[in-house]
Amino acid sequence: MKQNWVLIKVLEWPSQSPDLNPIENMWTMLKKQVHEWSKIQPETCQKLVDGYQKCLIEVEMSKGHVTKY
């Protein structure tokens, strides 16, 4: 059933309809991403942290220009 309200056609549907809530479609994708994130080894993160100071020095020496990082 359609209603006209201020010249806008409004369709009636349940106010809590998950079919019309975009976040409902995102939950599966978000869950997959979280599971992928949990597969990253702590050693990988530690290597990135350990190399950060060297990266900062390179950026400073290049005065903000492109570096190998």
C-alpha atoms as a PDB file:
ATOM      1  CA  MET A   1       0.000   0.000   0.000  1.00  0.00           C
ATOM      2  CA  LYS A   2       1.397   3.404  -0.940  1.00  0.00           C
ATOM      3  CA  GLN A   3       0.860   6.666   0.828  1.00  0.00           C
ATOM      4  CA  ASN A   4       1.446  10.128  -0.521  1.00  0.00           C
ATOM      5  CA  TRP A   5       3.060  12.431   1.981  1.00  0.00           C
ATOM      6  CA  VAL A   6       4.315  15.827   0.900  1.00  0.00           C
ATOM      7  CA  LEU A   7       4.370  14.564  -2.684  1.00  0.00           C
ATOM      8  CA  ILE A   8       6.741  11.710  -1.778  1.00  0.00           C
ATOM      9  CA  LYS A   9       5.591   8.151  -2.333  1.00  0.00           C
ATOM     10  CA  VAL A  10       6.161   6.179   0.857  1.00  0.00           C
ATOM     11  CA  LEU A  11       6.041   2.394   0.929  1.00  0.00           C
ATOM     12  CA  GLU A  12       4.906   0.610   4.057  1.00  0.00           C
ATOM     13  CA  TRP A  13       7.230  -2.010   5.534  1.00  0.00           C
ATOM     14  CA  PRO A  14       8.055  -3.306   9.001  1.00  0.00           C
ATOM     15  CA  SER A  15      10.015  -0.724  10.975  1.00  0.00           C
ATOM     16  CA  GLN A  16      12.681  -3.231  12.050  1.00  0.00           C
ATOM     17  CA  SER A  17      13.075  -4.991   8.712  1.00  0.00           C
ATOM     18  CA  PRO A  18      16.612  -6.467   8.409  1.00  0.00           C
ATOM     19  CA  ASP A  19      16.136  -6.549   4.640  1.00  0.00           C
ATOM     20  CA  LEU A  20      16.380  -2.773   4.629  1.00  0.00           C
ATOM     21  CA  ASN A  21      19.299  -2.476   7.036  1.00  0.00           C
ATOM     22  CA  PRO A  22      22.648  -2.457   5.152  1.00  0.00           C
ATOM     23  CA  ILE A  23      24.674  -3.402   8.241  1.00  0.00           C
ATOM     24  CA  GLU A  24      23.002  -6.802   8.287  1.00  0.00           C
ATOM     25  CA  ASN A  25      24.809  -7.632   5.056  1.00  0.00           C
ATOM     26  CA  MET A  26      28.120  -6.434   6.485  1.00  0.00           C
ATOM     27  CA  TRP A  27      28.271  -8.748   9.506  1.00  0.00           C
ATOM     28  CA  THR A  28      29.429 -11.791   7.532  1.00  0.00           C
ATOM     29  CA  MET A  29      32.145  -9.799   5.794  1.00  0.00           C
ATOM     30  CA  LEU A  30      33.296  -8.275   9.080  1.00  0.00           C
ATOM     31  CA  LYS A  31      33.446 -11.682  10.768  1.00  0.00           C
ATOM     32  CA  LYS A  32      35.633 -13.020   7.939  1.00  0.00           C
ATOM     33  CA  GLN A  33      37.992 -10.073   8.284  1.00  0.00           C
ATOM     34  CA  VAL A  34      38.328 -10.612  12.034  1.00  0.00           C
ATOM     35  CA  HIS A  35      39.162 -14.283  11.479  1.00  0.00           C
ATOM     36  CA  GLU A  36      41.814 -13.334   8.896  1.00  0.00           C
ATOM     37  CA  TRP A  37      43.286 -10.793  11.311  1.00  0.00           C
ATOM     38  CA  SER A  38      43.640 -13.475  13.998  1.00  0.00           C
ATOM     39  CA  LYS A  39      45.849 -15.512  11.622  1.00  0.00           C
ATOM     40  CA  ILE A  40      48.599 -12.864  11.674  1.00  0.00           C
ATOM     41  CA  GLN A  41      51.518 -14.197  13.683  1.00  0.00           C
ATOM     42  CA  PRO A  42      52.811 -12.065  16.596  1.00  0.00           C
ATOM     43  CA  GLU A  43      56.314 -12.352  15.111  1.00  0.00           C
ATOM     44  CA  THR A  44      55.115 -10.565  11.969  1.00  0.00           C
ATOM     45  CA  CYS A  45      53.831  -7.652  14.029  1.00  0.00           C
ATOM     46  CA  GLN A  46      57.046  -7.573  16.067  1.00  0.00           C
ATOM     47  CA  LYS A  47      59.190  -7.358  12.908  1.00  0.00           C
ATOM     48  CA  LEU A  48      57.163  -4.374  11.740  1.00  0.00           C
ATOM     49  CA  VAL A  49      57.529  -2.644  15.097  1.00  0.00           C
ATOM     50  CA  ASP A  50      61.256  -3.412  15.258  1.00  0.00           C
ATOM     51  CA  GLY A  51      61.846  -1.893  11.817  1.00  0.00           C
ATOM     52  CA  TYR A  52      59.840   1.252  12.493  1.00  0.00           C
ATOM     53  CA  GLN A  53      62.708   3.308  13.933  1.00  0.00           C
ATOM     54  CA  LYS A  54      64.858   2.609  10.867  1.00  0.00           C
ATOM     55  CA  CYS A  55      61.960   3.694   8.672  1.00  0.00           C
ATOM     56  CA  LEU A  56      61.571   6.945  10.626  1.00  0.00           C
ATOM     57  CA  ILE A  57      65.283   7.694  10.267  1.00  0.00           C
ATOM     58  CA  GLU A  58      65.143   7.081   6.507  1.00  0.00           C
ATOM     59  CA  VAL A  59      62.153   9.400   6.113  1.00  0.00           C
ATOM     60  CA  GLU A  60      63.866  12.088   8.185  1.00  0.00           C
ATOM     61  CA  MET A  61      67.099  11.791   6.184  1.00  0.00           C
ATOM     62  CA  SER A  62      65.189  12.063   2.898  1.00  0.00           C
ATOM     63  CA  LYS A  63      63.421  15.172   4.234  1.00  0.00           C
ATOM     64  CA  GLY A  64      60.041  13.600   3.524  1.00  0.00           C
ATOM     65  CA  HIS A  65      60.852  12.406   0.008  1.00  0.00           C
ATOM     66  CA  VAL A  66      60.341   8.867  -1.236  1.00  0.00           C
ATOM     67  CA  THR A  67      62.285   6.125   0.543  1.00  0.00           C
ATOM     68  CA  LYS A  68      62.544   2.384   0.039  1.00  0.00           C
ATOM     69  CA  TYR A  69      59.898   2.045   2.737  1.00  0.00           C
END
